[in-house]
C-alpha atoms as a PDB file:
ATOM      1  CA  MET A   1      -0.903 -30.808 -21.997  1.00  0.00           C
ATOM      2  CA  TRP A   2      -2.508 -29.002 -19.105  1.00  0.00           C
ATOM      3  CA  ARG A   3      -4.742 -25.833 -19.450  1.00  0.00           C
ATOM      4  CA  ARG A   4      -5.200 -23.218 -17.013  1.00  0.00           C
ATOM      5  CA  PHE A   5      -8.427 -23.993 -15.045  1.00  0.00           C
ATOM      6  CA  PHE A   6     -10.236 -20.748 -13.761  1.00  0.00           C
ATOM      7  CA  ARG A   7     -11.583 -20.911 -10.369  1.00  0.00           C
ATOM      8  CA  GLY A   8     -15.000 -20.179  -9.430  1.00  0.00           C
ATOM      9  CA  LEU A   9     -18.593 -21.373  -9.015  1.00  0.00           C
ATOM     10  CA  SER A  10     -21.312 -21.350 -11.609  1.00  0.00           C
ATOM     11  CA  VAL A  11     -24.916 -21.888 -10.518  1.00  0.00           C
ATOM     12  CA  THR A  12     -27.826 -22.512 -12.720  1.00  0.00           C
ATOM     13  CA  VAL A  13     -31.004 -21.250 -11.064  1.00  0.00           C
ATOM     14  CA  ASN A  14     -34.627 -22.362 -11.950  1.00  0.00           C
ATOM     15  CA  LEU A  15     -37.260 -19.871 -11.282  1.00  0.00           C
ATOM     16  CA  CYS A  16     -41.240 -20.551 -11.303  1.00  0.00           C
ATOM     17  CA  PHE A  17     -44.016 -17.804 -11.724  1.00  0.00           C
ATOM     18  CA  GLU A  18     -47.552 -17.974 -10.935  1.00  0.00           C
ATOM     19  CA  THR A  19     -48.396 -15.700 -13.658  1.00  0.00           C
ATOM     20  CA  PRO A  20     -46.349 -15.340 -17.214  1.00  0.00           C
ATOM     21  CA  VAL A  21     -43.381 -12.949 -17.369  1.00  0.00           C
ATOM     22  CA  THR A  22     -40.812 -12.079 -20.015  1.00  0.00           C
ATOM     23  CA  ALA A  23     -37.191 -12.431 -19.685  1.00  0.00           C
ATOM     24  CA  GLU A  24     -36.888  -8.570 -19.812  1.00  0.00           C
ATOM     25  CA  GLU A  25     -38.980  -8.130 -16.979  1.00  0.00           C
ATOM     26  CA  VAL A  26     -37.077 -10.782 -14.845  1.00  0.00           C
ATOM     27  CA  ARG A  27     -33.767  -9.095 -15.917  1.00  0.00           C
ATOM     28  CA  MET A  28     -35.092  -5.890 -14.994  1.00  0.00           C
ATOM     29  CA  LEU A  29     -36.226  -7.066 -11.336  1.00  0.00           C
ATOM     30  CA  TYR A  30     -32.853  -8.544 -10.645  1.00  0.00           C
ATOM     31  CA  ALA A  31     -31.143  -5.507 -12.023  1.00  0.00           C
ATOM     32  CA  GLN A  32     -33.339  -2.890  -9.825  1.00  0.00           C
ATOM     33  CA  ALA A  33     -32.902  -5.138  -6.933  1.00  0.00           C
ATOM     34  CA  TYR A  34     -29.126  -5.152  -7.108  1.00  0.00           C
ATOM     35  CA  ALA A  35     -28.711  -1.722  -8.678  1.00  0.00           C
ATOM     36  CA  ASP A  36     -27.027  -0.154  -5.489  1.00  0.00           C
ATOM     37  CA  GLU A  37     -24.893  -3.338  -4.710  1.00  0.00           C
ATOM     38  CA  ALA A  38     -21.313  -2.809  -5.433  1.00  0.00           C
ATOM     39  CA  PHE A  39     -20.461  -6.656  -5.698  1.00  0.00           C
ATOM     40  CA  ILE A  40     -23.241  -7.899  -7.994  1.00  0.00           C
ATOM     41  CA  THR A  41     -23.365  -7.147 -11.748  1.00  0.00           C
ATOM     42  CA  VAL A  42     -26.677  -8.249 -13.693  1.00  0.00           C
ATOM     43  CA  THR A  43     -25.961  -8.911 -17.401  1.00  0.00           C
ATOM     44  CA  ASN A  44     -28.227 -10.066 -20.371  1.00  0.00           C
ATOM     45  CA  GLU A  45     -25.960 -12.640 -21.581  1.00  0.00           C
ATOM     46  CA  ALA A  46     -25.115 -15.703 -19.336  1.00  0.00           C
ATOM     47  CA  PRO A  47     -21.916 -15.126 -17.500  1.00  0.00           C
ATOM     48  CA  GLN A  48     -19.107 -17.418 -17.449  1.00  0.00           C
ATOM     49  CA  VAL A  49     -16.451 -18.114 -14.566  1.00  0.00           C
ATOM     50  CA  ARG A  50     -13.702 -16.558 -16.750  1.00  0.00           C
ATOM     51  CA  ASP A  51     -15.849 -13.503 -16.795  1.00  0.00           C
ATOM     52  CA  ILE A  52     -15.359 -12.815 -12.819  1.00  0.00           C
ATOM     53  CA  ALA A  53     -11.960 -14.660 -12.151  1.00  0.00           C
ATOM     54  CA  ASN A  54      -9.841 -12.579  -9.924  1.00  0.00           C
ATOM     55  CA  THR A  55     -12.788 -10.319  -8.861  1.00  0.00           C
ATOM     56  CA  PHE A  56     -14.702  -9.795  -5.466  1.00  0.00           C
ATOM     57  CA  GLY A  57     -18.194  -9.618  -6.922  1.00  0.00           C
ATOM     58  CA  ALA A  58     -20.784 -12.085  -8.593  1.00  0.00           C
ATOM     59  CA  ARG A  59     -22.327 -11.779 -11.927  1.00  0.00           C
ATOM     60  CA  LEU A  60     -25.839 -12.928 -12.915  1.00  0.00           C
ATOM     61  CA  GLY A  61     -27.759 -13.247 -16.219  1.00  0.00           C
ATOM     62  CA  GLY A  62     -28.699 -15.260 -19.250  1.00  0.00           C
ATOM     63  CA  PHE A  63     -32.453 -15.061 -18.348  1.00  0.00           C
ATOM     64  CA  VAL A  64     -34.031 -17.570 -20.592  1.00  0.00           C
ATOM     65  CA  LEU A  65     -37.926 -18.337 -20.203  1.00  0.00           C
ATOM     66  CA  GLY A  66     -40.066 -21.383 -21.083  1.00  0.00           C
ATOM     67  CA  ASP A  67     -42.589 -21.293 -23.747  1.00  0.00           C
ATOM     68  CA  ASP A  68     -45.562 -20.556 -21.298  1.00  0.00           C
ATOM     69  CA  GLY A  69     -43.427 -17.666 -19.599  1.00  0.00           C
ATOM     70  CA  ARG A  70     -43.831 -19.250 -15.899  1.00  0.00           C
ATOM     71  CA  ARG A  71     -40.466 -20.944 -15.878  1.00  0.00           C
ATOM     72  CA  ALA A  72     -37.200 -19.408 -16.170  1.00  0.00           C
ATOM     73  CA  VAL A  73     -33.718 -20.218 -15.878  1.00  0.00           C
ATOM     74  CA  MET A  74     -30.712 -17.981 -14.826  1.00  0.00           C
ATOM     75  CA  VAL A  75     -26.927 -18.115 -14.141  1.00  0.00           C
ATOM     76  CA  CYS A  76     -24.903 -16.852 -11.472  1.00  0.00           C
ATOM     77  CA  VAL A  77     -20.985 -16.934 -11.325  1.00  0.00           C
ATOM     78  CA  LEU A  78     -18.429 -15.978  -8.615  1.00  0.00           C
ATOM     79  CA  ASP A  79     -14.619 -16.386  -7.899  1.00  0.00           C
ATOM     80  CA  ASN A  80     -15.018 -18.404  -4.587  1.00  0.00           C
ATOM     81  CA  LEU A  81     -11.418 -17.736  -3.770  1.00  0.00           C
ATOM     82  CA  LEU A  82     -12.091 -13.989  -3.604  1.00  0.00           C
ATOM     83  CA  LYS A  83     -15.933 -13.824  -3.083  1.00  0.00           C
ATOM     84  CA  GLY A  84     -15.431 -16.455  -0.510  1.00  0.00           C
ATOM     85  CA  ALA A  85     -15.894 -16.553   3.175  1.00  0.00           C
ATOM     86  CA  ALA A  86     -12.848 -14.283   3.850  1.00  0.00           C
ATOM     87  CA  SER A  87     -13.892 -11.501   1.423  1.00  0.00           C
ATOM     88  CA  GLN A  88     -17.800 -11.757   2.801  1.00  0.00           C
ATOM     89  CA  ALA A  89     -16.236 -11.519   6.485  1.00  0.00           C
ATOM     90  CA  ILE A  90     -14.695  -7.995   5.270  1.00  0.00           C
ATOM     91  CA  GLN A  91     -17.614  -7.204   3.729  1.00  0.00           C
ATOM     92  CA  ASN A  92     -19.898  -7.794   6.492  1.00  0.00           C
ATOM     93  CA  LEU A  93     -17.632  -6.080   8.959  1.00  0.00           C
ATOM     94  CA  ASN A  94     -17.328  -3.056   6.937  1.00  0.00           C
ATOM     95  CA  LEU A  95     -20.939  -2.911   6.985  1.00  0.00           C
ATOM     96  CA  SER A  96     -21.417  -3.595  10.544  1.00  0.00           C
ATOM     97  CA  PHE A  97     -18.926  -0.559  11.503  1.00  0.00           C
ATOM     98  CA  GLY A  98     -20.004   1.962   9.046  1.00  0.00           C
ATOM     99  CA  PHE A  99     -17.133   1.601   6.727  1.00  0.00           C
ATOM    100  CA  ALA A 100     -17.363   1.561   2.839  1.00  0.00           C
ATOM    101  CA  GLU A 101     -18.683  -1.844   1.713  1.00  0.00           C
ATOM    102  CA  ASN A 102     -15.485  -2.359  -0.338  1.00  0.00           C
ATOM    103  CA  GLU A 103     -12.959  -1.089   2.336  1.00  0.00           C
ATOM    104  CA  GLY A 104     -10.033  -3.371   2.237  1.00  0.00           C
ATOM    105  CA  LEU A 105     -10.953  -5.187  -0.834  1.00  0.00           C
ATOM    106  CA  ARG A 106      -8.539  -4.348  -3.609  1.00  0.00           C
ATOM    107  CA  GLY A 107      -8.998  -4.868  -7.284  1.00  0.00           C
ATOM    108  CA  ASP A 108     -11.923  -5.410  -9.449  1.00  0.00           C
ATOM    109  CA  VAL A 109     -15.255  -6.104  -7.753  1.00  0.00           C
ATOM    110  CA  ALA A 110     -17.231  -7.459 -10.607  1.00  0.00           C
END
């Protein structure tokens, strides 16, 4: 029996720091950096592809640190059919011509 497969990309990112940090500090840095971005959501839990299926946005989270606080891992997911090259082209054209970033992109954004 075939099961429905959700499209999308899931990327695990390794981060290295010169000085120890906490998972909350890393999450807050990302939350602050992307606070004004319509298409990016920062979460506490590790996102899954099913969380963003049929949306134009990317979701990142699941920040976990090593024991020494100098290495971290996070996860980023996106629907590559909606947040793919075509949607990014529309988003970039909107920004270039002074339109709202999500003009012409209908539905959920993240």
